[in-house]
Each structure stands twice: as C-alpha cells, then as structure tokens.
N, C-alpha and C. Protein backbone atom coordinates (compact mmCIF):
# COMPACT_ATOMS: atom_id res chain seq x y z
N MET A 1 -18.82 31.05 46.96
CA MET A 1 -18.34 32.41 47.14
C MET A 1 -18.27 32.97 45.74
N PHE A 2 -18.62 34.32 45.71
CA PHE A 2 -18.65 35.03 44.55
C PHE A 2 -17.34 35.56 43.95
N TYR A 3 -16.27 35.40 44.69
CA TYR A 3 -14.95 35.85 44.19
C TYR A 3 -13.94 34.75 44.52
N LYS A 4 -12.86 34.75 43.78
CA LYS A 4 -11.81 33.78 44.07
C LYS A 4 -10.51 34.54 43.74
N ILE A 5 -9.55 34.50 44.61
CA ILE A 5 -8.26 35.10 44.50
C ILE A 5 -7.31 34.03 44.15
N VAL A 6 -6.66 34.16 42.98
CA VAL A 6 -5.61 33.15 42.57
C VAL A 6 -4.37 33.95 42.14
N GLU A 7 -3.34 33.61 42.99
CA GLU A 7 -2.05 34.48 42.92
C GLU A 7 -2.41 35.92 43.01
N ASN A 8 -2.11 36.77 42.00
CA ASN A 8 -2.46 38.13 42.26
C ASN A 8 -3.62 38.60 41.37
N SER A 9 -4.50 37.61 41.00
CA SER A 9 -5.69 37.95 40.27
C SER A 9 -7.04 37.61 41.07
N VAL A 10 -7.99 38.37 40.74
CA VAL A 10 -9.37 38.13 41.30
C VAL A 10 -10.32 37.70 40.18
N PHE A 11 -11.08 36.73 40.53
CA PHE A 11 -12.02 36.15 39.56
C PHE A 11 -13.35 36.53 40.27
N LEU A 12 -14.20 37.34 39.64
CA LEU A 12 -15.41 37.87 40.23
C LEU A 12 -16.64 37.47 39.33
N ARG A 13 -17.47 36.76 40.11
CA ARG A 13 -18.69 36.20 39.40
C ARG A 13 -19.85 37.18 39.68
N ILE A 14 -20.41 37.72 38.56
CA ILE A 14 -21.36 38.84 38.61
C ILE A 14 -22.66 38.48 37.92
N LYS A 15 -23.75 38.99 38.56
CA LYS A 15 -25.09 39.03 38.02
C LYS A 15 -25.36 40.38 37.68
N ALA A 16 -25.31 40.78 36.38
CA ALA A 16 -25.60 42.11 35.91
C ALA A 16 -26.96 42.42 35.67
N GLN A 17 -27.43 43.63 36.13
CA GLN A 17 -28.77 44.04 35.99
C GLN A 17 -28.65 45.40 35.22
N PRO A 18 -28.85 45.40 33.93
CA PRO A 18 -28.50 46.65 33.16
C PRO A 18 -29.85 47.49 33.24
N ASN A 19 -29.62 48.74 32.68
CA ASN A 19 -30.60 49.77 32.52
C ASN A 19 -31.27 50.20 33.87
N THR A 20 -30.53 50.34 34.79
CA THR A 20 -30.86 50.96 36.17
C THR A 20 -30.66 52.38 36.24
N SER A 21 -31.07 53.00 37.37
CA SER A 21 -30.94 54.48 37.47
C SER A 21 -29.33 54.92 37.84
N LYS A 22 -28.58 53.94 38.48
CA LYS A 22 -27.31 54.18 38.70
C LYS A 22 -26.49 52.79 38.79
N SER A 23 -25.20 52.92 38.65
CA SER A 23 -24.42 51.70 38.76
C SER A 23 -23.91 51.55 40.28
N GLU A 24 -24.27 50.29 40.82
CA GLU A 24 -23.85 50.11 42.21
C GLU A 24 -23.87 48.52 42.53
N PHE A 25 -23.21 48.25 43.51
CA PHE A 25 -23.12 46.93 44.06
C PHE A 25 -24.45 46.65 44.88
N CYS A 26 -24.92 45.49 44.75
CA CYS A 26 -26.21 45.10 45.48
C CYS A 26 -25.88 43.99 46.34
N GLU A 27 -26.98 42.95 46.53
CA GLU A 27 -26.84 41.88 47.37
C GLU A 27 -25.99 40.78 46.67
N ILE A 28 -25.70 39.80 47.45
CA ILE A 28 -25.14 38.45 46.91
C ILE A 28 -26.36 37.76 46.25
N TYR A 29 -26.06 37.29 45.10
CA TYR A 29 -27.09 36.63 44.27
C TYR A 29 -26.83 35.21 44.41
N GLY A 30 -27.67 34.45 45.22
CA GLY A 30 -27.46 33.07 45.52
C GLY A 30 -26.27 33.12 46.41
N GLU A 31 -25.42 32.23 46.19
CA GLU A 31 -24.19 32.16 46.96
C GLU A 31 -22.98 32.25 46.02
N GLU A 32 -23.31 32.42 44.72
CA GLU A 32 -22.29 32.27 43.76
C GLU A 32 -21.94 33.55 42.90
N ALA A 33 -22.62 34.65 43.12
CA ALA A 33 -22.49 35.74 42.32
C ALA A 33 -22.84 37.09 43.24
N ILE A 34 -22.24 38.18 42.72
CA ILE A 34 -22.60 39.51 43.39
C ILE A 34 -23.48 40.30 42.35
N LYS A 35 -24.65 40.71 42.65
CA LYS A 35 -25.44 41.46 41.73
C LYS A 35 -24.92 42.95 41.76
N ILE A 36 -24.81 43.37 40.45
CA ILE A 36 -24.35 44.77 40.24
C ILE A 36 -25.36 45.42 39.28
N ARG A 37 -25.87 46.54 39.66
CA ARG A 37 -26.73 47.17 38.92
C ARG A 37 -25.90 48.14 37.99
N ILE A 38 -26.40 48.13 36.68
CA ILE A 38 -25.48 48.85 35.59
C ILE A 38 -26.41 49.90 35.00
N LYS A 39 -25.95 51.15 35.04
CA LYS A 39 -26.72 52.28 34.57
C LYS A 39 -27.05 52.14 33.02
N ALA A 40 -26.18 51.58 32.22
CA ALA A 40 -26.41 51.59 30.77
C ALA A 40 -27.19 50.36 30.31
N PRO A 41 -27.88 50.50 29.20
CA PRO A 41 -28.71 49.42 28.74
C PRO A 41 -27.89 48.39 28.11
N ALA A 42 -28.41 47.11 27.92
CA ALA A 42 -27.77 45.99 27.37
C ALA A 42 -27.81 46.03 25.91
N VAL A 43 -27.27 47.10 25.24
CA VAL A 43 -27.40 47.31 23.86
C VAL A 43 -26.04 47.64 23.19
N GLU A 44 -25.59 46.91 22.43
CA GLU A 44 -24.27 46.99 21.63
C GLU A 44 -23.14 47.18 22.59
N GLY A 45 -23.18 46.34 23.59
CA GLY A 45 -22.03 46.36 24.56
C GLY A 45 -22.00 47.54 25.57
N ALA A 46 -22.91 48.44 25.56
CA ALA A 46 -22.94 49.54 26.56
C ALA A 46 -22.88 49.12 27.94
N ALA A 47 -23.60 48.08 28.35
CA ALA A 47 -23.66 47.60 29.67
C ALA A 47 -22.27 47.03 30.13
N ASN A 48 -21.56 46.29 29.36
CA ASN A 48 -20.36 45.74 29.53
C ASN A 48 -19.30 46.94 29.73
N LYS A 49 -19.41 47.97 28.89
CA LYS A 49 -18.42 49.02 28.97
C LYS A 49 -18.61 49.74 30.24
N GLU A 50 -19.90 49.97 30.66
CA GLU A 50 -20.31 50.63 31.92
C GLU A 50 -19.82 49.79 33.12
N LEU A 51 -20.00 48.51 32.99
CA LEU A 51 -19.53 47.50 34.08
C LEU A 51 -17.97 47.69 34.28
N MET A 52 -17.29 47.74 33.03
CA MET A 52 -15.78 47.88 33.25
C MET A 52 -15.42 49.17 33.88
N ARG A 53 -16.03 50.24 33.36
CA ARG A 53 -15.86 51.52 34.06
C ARG A 53 -16.11 51.51 35.59
N PHE A 54 -17.23 50.92 36.01
CA PHE A 54 -17.61 50.91 37.34
C PHE A 54 -16.60 50.06 38.13
N LEU A 55 -16.25 48.93 37.60
CA LEU A 55 -15.30 48.06 38.38
C LEU A 55 -13.88 48.71 38.42
N SER A 56 -13.42 49.46 37.38
CA SER A 56 -12.22 50.07 37.30
C SER A 56 -12.13 51.24 38.44
N LYS A 57 -13.15 51.95 38.53
CA LYS A 57 -13.23 53.12 39.43
C LYS A 57 -13.44 52.46 40.81
N SER A 58 -14.29 51.57 40.99
CA SER A 58 -14.41 50.99 42.43
C SER A 58 -13.27 50.44 42.92
N PHE A 59 -12.43 49.71 42.14
CA PHE A 59 -11.28 48.97 42.69
C PHE A 59 -9.96 49.60 42.35
N LYS A 60 -9.92 50.76 41.73
CA LYS A 60 -8.77 51.52 41.36
C LYS A 60 -7.86 50.59 40.42
N ILE A 61 -8.41 50.08 39.31
CA ILE A 61 -7.68 49.19 38.38
C ILE A 61 -7.94 49.80 36.97
N SER A 62 -7.00 49.59 36.08
CA SER A 62 -7.19 49.94 34.76
C SER A 62 -8.36 49.16 34.00
N LYS A 63 -9.08 49.81 33.14
CA LYS A 63 -10.10 49.18 32.38
C LYS A 63 -9.46 48.12 31.53
N SER A 64 -8.33 48.42 30.98
CA SER A 64 -7.66 47.47 30.07
C SER A 64 -7.19 46.13 30.86
N ASP A 65 -7.20 46.18 32.15
CA ASP A 65 -6.79 45.10 32.96
C ASP A 65 -8.07 44.09 33.30
N ILE A 66 -9.17 44.52 32.92
CA ILE A 66 -10.36 43.74 33.23
C ILE A 66 -10.69 42.87 32.05
N ILE A 67 -10.72 41.57 32.28
CA ILE A 67 -10.89 40.61 31.23
C ILE A 67 -12.18 39.88 31.53
N PHE A 68 -13.08 39.77 30.47
CA PHE A 68 -14.22 38.89 30.55
C PHE A 68 -13.93 37.46 30.29
N LYS A 69 -13.90 36.58 31.31
CA LYS A 69 -13.74 35.22 31.10
C LYS A 69 -14.81 34.36 30.61
N THR A 70 -16.09 34.67 31.07
CA THR A 70 -17.27 34.12 30.52
C THR A 70 -18.38 35.14 30.57
N GLY A 71 -19.42 34.86 29.84
CA GLY A 71 -20.67 35.67 29.89
C GLY A 71 -20.67 37.00 29.27
N LYS A 72 -19.81 37.29 28.35
CA LYS A 72 -19.90 38.59 27.80
C LYS A 72 -21.17 38.99 27.25
N ASN A 73 -21.98 38.03 26.79
CA ASN A 73 -23.29 38.22 26.16
C ASN A 73 -24.32 37.75 27.15
N SER A 74 -24.11 37.65 28.36
CA SER A 74 -25.08 36.98 29.23
C SER A 74 -25.05 37.98 30.53
N LYS A 75 -26.11 37.79 31.38
CA LYS A 75 -26.24 38.50 32.56
C LYS A 75 -25.30 38.00 33.59
N LEU A 76 -24.92 36.65 33.56
CA LEU A 76 -24.03 36.00 34.52
C LEU A 76 -22.75 36.04 33.84
N LYS A 77 -21.76 36.71 34.64
CA LYS A 77 -20.41 36.85 34.04
C LYS A 77 -19.33 36.52 34.98
N ILE A 78 -18.18 36.16 34.46
CA ILE A 78 -16.95 36.07 35.30
C ILE A 78 -15.94 37.00 34.71
N VAL A 79 -15.43 37.87 35.53
CA VAL A 79 -14.41 38.76 35.09
C VAL A 79 -13.15 38.50 35.82
N GLU A 80 -12.09 38.78 35.34
CA GLU A 80 -10.75 38.76 36.05
C GLU A 80 -9.95 40.03 35.95
N PHE A 81 -9.43 40.47 37.03
CA PHE A 81 -8.72 41.58 37.18
C PHE A 81 -7.56 41.53 38.25
N PRO A 82 -6.50 42.37 38.27
CA PRO A 82 -5.51 42.35 39.17
C PRO A 82 -6.01 42.63 40.55
N LEU A 83 -5.53 41.85 41.60
CA LEU A 83 -5.92 42.08 42.95
C LEU A 83 -5.34 43.45 43.26
N SER A 84 -6.02 44.31 43.93
CA SER A 84 -5.67 45.63 44.22
C SER A 84 -5.97 45.95 45.85
N ASP A 85 -5.45 46.80 46.38
CA ASP A 85 -5.61 47.10 47.82
C ASP A 85 -7.05 47.60 47.98
N LYS A 86 -7.57 48.27 46.95
CA LYS A 86 -8.89 48.71 47.15
C LYS A 86 -9.79 47.61 47.07
N PHE A 87 -9.61 46.49 46.42
CA PHE A 87 -10.49 45.27 46.42
C PHE A 87 -10.41 44.63 47.82
N LYS A 88 -9.22 44.47 48.32
CA LYS A 88 -9.01 43.91 49.67
C LYS A 88 -9.83 44.72 50.76
N GLN A 89 -9.70 45.96 50.59
CA GLN A 89 -10.44 46.97 51.55
C GLN A 89 -11.96 46.72 51.48
N TRP A 90 -12.51 46.76 50.21
CA TRP A 90 -13.91 46.40 49.84
C TRP A 90 -14.45 45.16 50.51
N ILE A 91 -13.63 44.04 50.28
CA ILE A 91 -13.94 42.76 50.77
C ILE A 91 -14.08 42.90 52.35
N LYS A 92 -13.10 43.40 52.99
CA LYS A 92 -12.99 43.55 54.49
C LYS A 92 -14.23 44.38 55.01
N GLN A 93 -14.45 45.58 54.34
CA GLN A 93 -15.58 46.54 54.65
C GLN A 93 -16.88 45.75 54.72
N ASN A 94 -17.06 45.06 53.66
CA ASN A 94 -18.44 44.43 53.53
C ASN A 94 -18.66 43.11 54.29
N GLY A 95 -17.57 42.72 54.95
CA GLY A 95 -17.59 41.39 55.71
C GLY A 95 -17.72 40.14 54.99
N TYR A 96 -17.12 40.27 53.71
CA TYR A 96 -16.93 39.04 52.99
C TYR A 96 -15.66 38.25 53.43
N ARG A 97 -15.63 36.98 53.31
CA ARG A 97 -14.49 36.28 53.73
C ARG A 97 -13.47 36.20 52.67
C-alpha cells in the first residue's frame, strides 16, 4: 500500500515526476507508491516546494506540517503529514483501502 496511517499521521510513499505541464495525482506506481506529476523542475528544490504546495492544497493541511521522511533528493519519497478529513475523503473517493 502506498500510504500508512499511524495514530493521527499519514505516511505517503510518492514517485515524483517533475517538470510536467501541471501538478496532479496519477496512477499507483507498483503497489508501493503513488505517482504524482509535479509542474516544477527538479532544480534547487523547486519540485519539492511544488509537491508540498500541491499536497497542502489537496489535503487542506499546512505546508509546515509536511515532513520529508526519506527521498528529499530522490524521485521516490516518503512524506508525513497530519491525517485530515480531506485525505480520508480522497482515499474513499478513489477506492483505496
């Protein structure tokens, strides 16, 4: 599974694809990550900043609450953020368990 909920935190495993036309969720990458296209290029942290902005907006959480657990300099990342109602709704709408 590409996400894990521990207490009130979400751990999300991401396969980032930088430098695309728009930021958006894509398909499940393998069974271990969700692919997210990122509008910004992977230069000087721009893609990570855009990823944080995108996740913040998508799940109605503060950017400062998003923590890179692994992969800050890699396309495969694990981020942690507080569990929100918007995340629960997104999981349900997309048929993820």
